[in-house]
Protein backbone atom coordinates (compact mmCIF):
# COMPACT_ATOMS: atom_id res chain seq x y z
CA MET A 1 5.89 -17.52 16.82
CA LYS A 2 9.49 -16.36 17.16
CA LYS A 3 8.85 -13.40 14.84
CA PHE A 4 5.78 -12.45 16.87
CA LEU A 5 7.77 -12.49 20.13
CA ILE A 6 10.49 -10.33 18.56
CA LEU A 7 7.88 -7.78 17.44
CA VAL A 8 6.35 -7.74 20.92
CA ALA A 9 9.82 -7.20 22.45
CA ILE A 10 10.55 -4.31 20.07
CA PHE A 11 7.17 -2.72 20.78
CA ALA A 12 7.65 -3.13 24.55
CA THR A 13 11.10 -1.52 24.31
CA PHE A 14 9.57 1.37 22.38
CA LEU A 15 6.86 1.86 25.01
CA TYR A 16 9.42 1.71 27.82
CA GLY A 17 11.02 4.91 26.56
CA PHE A 18 7.75 6.85 26.60
CA ASP A 19 5.19 7.55 29.26
CA LEU A 20 1.52 7.08 28.38
CA HIS A 21 0.91 10.83 28.26
CA SER A 22 3.68 11.28 25.65
CA ILE A 23 2.27 8.46 23.51
CA LYS A 24 -1.25 9.89 23.70
CA GLU A 25 0.10 13.33 22.80
CA PHE A 26 2.09 11.96 19.86
CA PHE A 27 -0.99 10.23 18.36
CA SER A 28 -3.31 13.15 19.04
CA GLU A 29 -5.23 14.53 16.06
CA GLU A 30 -3.50 17.92 16.31
CA ASN A 31 0.00 16.40 16.28
CA LEU A 32 -0.76 14.01 13.40
CA ILE A 33 -2.15 16.89 11.31
CA HIS A 34 0.95 18.94 12.19
CA LEU A 35 3.23 16.09 11.10
CA LEU A 36 1.33 15.69 7.82
CA LYS A 37 1.60 19.41 7.08
CA GLU A 38 5.26 19.65 8.17
CA TYR A 39 6.60 16.39 6.72
CA GLY A 40 3.77 15.52 4.32
CA TYR A 41 5.90 14.72 1.27
CA ILE A 42 8.34 12.54 3.23
CA ILE A 43 5.46 10.61 4.86
CA LEU A 44 3.72 10.30 1.48
CA PHE A 45 6.87 8.93 -0.18
CA PHE A 46 7.43 6.16 2.38
CA TRP A 47 3.70 5.43 2.59
CA SER A 48 3.59 5.00 -1.19
CA ILE A 49 6.42 2.46 -1.09
CA PHE A 50 3.94 0.18 0.66
CA GLU A 51 1.22 1.31 -1.77
CA GLY A 52 -1.29 2.51 0.77
CA GLU A 53 -4.15 4.34 -0.94
CA THR A 54 -5.13 5.96 2.37
CA GLY A 55 -1.96 8.07 2.28
CA LEU A 56 -2.70 9.14 -1.30
CA VAL A 57 -6.27 10.09 -0.40
CA MET A 58 -4.91 12.25 2.45
CA ALA A 59 -2.44 13.84 0.02
CA GLY A 60 -5.35 14.70 -2.30
CA VAL A 61 -7.30 16.24 0.59
CA LEU A 62 -4.25 18.23 1.78
CA SER A 63 -3.76 19.44 -1.79
CA HIS A 64 -7.41 20.55 -1.76
CA THR A 65 -6.86 22.55 1.45
CA GLY A 66 -3.65 24.10 0.07
CA ASP A 67 -1.28 22.34 2.49
CA MET A 68 0.32 20.35 -0.34
CA ASN A 69 0.92 20.95 -4.03
CA LEU A 70 -1.14 18.63 -6.25
CA ILE A 71 1.51 18.00 -8.93
CA THR A 72 4.29 17.53 -6.36
CA ALA A 73 2.12 15.11 -4.38
CA ILE A 74 1.45 13.00 -7.50
CA LEU A 75 5.16 12.92 -8.40
CA VAL A 76 6.25 12.03 -4.85
CA ALA A 77 3.59 9.31 -4.50
CA GLY A 78 4.38 7.96 -7.97
CA PHE A 79 8.08 7.81 -7.23
CA GLY A 80 7.39 6.07 -3.90
CA GLY A 81 5.21 3.47 -5.63
CA PHE A 82 7.91 3.01 -8.27
CA VAL A 83 10.63 2.47 -5.64
CA GLY A 84 8.45 -0.04 -3.77
CA ASP A 85 7.89 -2.23 -6.82
CA GLN A 86 11.55 -1.97 -7.84
CA ILE A 87 12.50 -3.33 -4.40
CA TYR A 88 10.13 -6.29 -4.81
CA PHE A 89 11.30 -6.88 -8.39
CA TYR A 90 14.99 -7.07 -7.44
CA LEU A 91 14.18 -9.08 -4.33
CA GLY A 92 12.69 -11.72 -6.62
CA ARG A 93 15.43 -11.38 -9.23
CA LEU A 94 18.39 -11.66 -6.83
CA ASN A 95 16.90 -13.96 -4.15
CA LYS A 96 14.72 -16.40 -6.09
CA THR A 97 15.33 -19.43 -3.85
CA TRP A 98 14.83 -17.47 -0.61
CA VAL A 99 11.63 -15.78 -1.83
CA LEU A 100 10.04 -19.04 -3.01
CA LYS A 101 10.97 -20.71 0.28
CA GLU A 102 9.74 -17.87 2.53
CA LEU A 103 6.54 -17.34 0.56
CA HIS A 104 5.74 -21.00 0.01
CA SER A 105 2.26 -20.50 1.46
CA HIS A 106 1.55 -18.07 -1.41
CA LYS A 107 2.47 -20.53 -4.17
CA THR A 108 -1.08 -20.32 -5.58
CA LYS A 109 -0.75 -16.56 -5.93
CA PHE A 110 2.67 -16.97 -7.59
CA ALA A 111 1.15 -19.38 -10.10
CA ARG A 112 -1.64 -16.89 -10.77
CA ALA A 113 0.88 -14.06 -11.20
CA ARG A 114 2.88 -16.07 -13.75
CA LEU A 115 -0.32 -16.87 -15.62
CA LEU A 116 -1.32 -13.20 -15.72
CA LEU A 117 2.16 -12.23 -16.93
CA ARG A 118 2.07 -14.80 -19.75
CA LYS A 119 -1.47 -13.81 -20.71
CA TYR A 120 -1.26 -10.01 -20.53
CA GLY A 121 2.47 -9.26 -20.69
CA LEU A 122 3.30 -5.61 -19.94
CA TRP A 123 -0.30 -4.75 -19.10
CA VAL A 124 -0.17 -6.74 -15.88
CA ILE A 125 2.40 -4.23 -14.53
CA PHE A 126 -0.20 -1.48 -14.99
CA VAL A 127 -3.11 -3.29 -13.38
CA GLN A 128 -1.27 -5.13 -10.56
CA ARG A 129 -1.51 -2.10 -8.24
CA PHE A 130 -5.29 -2.43 -8.31
CA ILE A 131 -5.44 -6.20 -7.69
CA TYR A 132 -5.90 -6.86 -3.98
CA GLY A 133 -3.53 -9.45 -2.55
CA MET A 134 -1.29 -9.45 -5.64
CA ARG A 135 0.56 -6.14 -5.34
CA THR A 136 3.76 -7.53 -3.90
CA ILE A 137 3.43 -10.99 -5.44
CA ILE A 138 3.36 -9.79 -9.08
CA PRO A 139 6.59 -7.70 -8.95
CA LEU A 140 8.29 -10.58 -7.12
CA ALA A 141 7.06 -13.07 -9.73
CA ILE A 142 8.18 -10.78 -12.57
CA GLY A 143 11.63 -10.52 -10.99
CA ILE A 144 11.85 -14.30 -10.53
CA SER A 145 10.83 -14.86 -14.17
CA GLY A 146 13.94 -13.03 -15.39
CA TYR A 147 11.96 -10.23 -17.08
CA ASP A 148 14.04 -7.43 -18.63
CA ALA A 149 14.90 -5.02 -15.77
CA LYS A 150 15.10 -1.88 -17.92
CA LYS A 151 11.74 -2.50 -19.58
CA PHE A 152 10.13 -3.25 -16.20
CA ALA A 153 11.52 -0.02 -14.70
CA ILE A 154 10.12 2.13 -17.52
CA VAL A 155 6.65 0.54 -17.46
CA ASN A 156 6.65 0.48 -13.66
CA PHE A 157 7.39 4.23 -13.45
CA ILE A 158 4.58 5.12 -15.87
CA SER A 159 2.24 2.75 -14.02
CA ALA A 160 3.12 4.31 -10.65
CA LEU A 161 2.37 7.83 -11.91
CA ILE A 162 -1.00 6.70 -13.31
CA TRP A 163 -1.80 4.94 -10.00
CA ALA A 164 -0.94 8.07 -8.01
CA SER A 165 -2.94 10.33 -10.34
CA LEU A 166 -6.04 8.11 -10.31
CA THR A 167 -6.08 8.19 -6.50
CA ILE A 168 -4.92 11.71 -5.64
CA ILE A 169 -6.79 13.76 -8.27
CA PRO A 170 -10.31 12.51 -7.33
CA SER A 171 -9.43 13.07 -3.64
CA TYR A 172 -8.36 16.61 -4.56
CA ILE A 173 -11.59 17.28 -6.49
CA PHE A 174 -13.85 15.86 -3.76
CA GLY A 175 -11.70 17.11 -0.87
CA GLU A 176 -14.52 18.98 0.83
CA GLU A 177 -16.83 15.97 0.72
CA ILE A 178 -14.10 13.71 2.14
CA LEU A 179 -13.46 16.19 4.98
CA ASN A 180 -17.17 16.24 5.81
CA ILE A 181 -17.24 12.42 5.91
CA ILE A 182 -14.19 12.38 8.21
CA LYS A 183 -15.85 14.91 10.53
CA TRP A 184 -19.02 12.82 10.60
CA LEU A 185 -17.11 9.61 11.32
CA LYS A 186 -15.21 11.37 14.10
CA HIS A 187 -18.51 11.81 15.95
CA HIS A 188 -19.89 8.42 14.87
CA TRP A 189 -16.73 6.31 15.16
CA TYR A 190 -18.68 3.11 15.85
CA PHE A 191 -20.05 3.17 12.26
CA ALA A 192 -16.51 3.49 10.93
CA LEU A 193 -15.37 0.57 13.09
CA LEU A 194 -18.32 -1.58 12.00
CA PHE A 195 -17.70 -0.75 8.33
CA ALA A 196 -13.96 -1.51 8.61
CA VAL A 197 -14.59 -4.87 10.30
CA SER A 198 -17.27 -5.75 7.72
CA MET A 199 -14.94 -4.90 4.82
CA LEU A 200 -12.10 -6.96 6.30
CA MET A 201 -14.41 -9.94 6.76
CA LEU A 202 -15.72 -9.58 3.20
CA ILE A 203 -12.19 -9.37 1.74
CA TRP A 204 -11.11 -12.41 3.77
CA TYR A 205 -14.16 -14.39 2.61
CA LEU A 206 -13.67 -13.49 -1.08
CA ASN A 207 -9.98 -14.40 -0.97
CA HIS A 208 -10.67 -17.63 0.93
CA ARG A 209 -13.36 -18.58 -1.57
CA ALA A 210 -11.14 -17.74 -4.56
CA ASP A 211 -8.29 -19.87 -3.09
CA LYS A 212 -10.66 -22.83 -2.60
CA ILE A 213 -11.90 -22.58 -6.19
CA ARG A 214 -8.31 -22.41 -7.54
CA ASN A 215 -7.24 -25.39 -5.39
CA ARG A 216 -10.13 -27.49 -6.74
CA ARG A 217 -8.95 -26.77 -10.28
């Protein structure tokens, strides 16, 4: 509750410095497109630290339209993904007690991450970016386990480049189709909202069901 109140206070302070017209102008489609074209690589780097595929898809589309360079976008996104996982790895390695205490509610996921690491070894570093709900947990668990830092960094970097390539290149190839979908959704936003809500509910249900099954075991 305290954290929520702090976030509300920060957000209120932010809004206090701007009038509603300025905020609306900042989040306008034209300004956001301008920011992506002007600072695309910087935005992509920080977005990739949090491993958001949406940012990578946009990078692929902008590469398709010629506003970004495909190879540079892959390298920037890959490096961002690499940095993000390195942060989580060292957070677990250097703050084991704090991490386990703060993330006590995710103890089931930590147990699953350790099991995956024992079962698949290095391969889990490659696939963890594609496992929903485990992206941050697995690097933290690997760091806590005392895994070799140099070996993790090498595998993590290769994994991040593969992750970036597998997301950006298809978006680059099908850029025109993605743009057409975005244009259609712009005029039929209620379908997009319904789809997003449905997907969130489905993801929540699948995770809730998986947690119940694991707890029974």
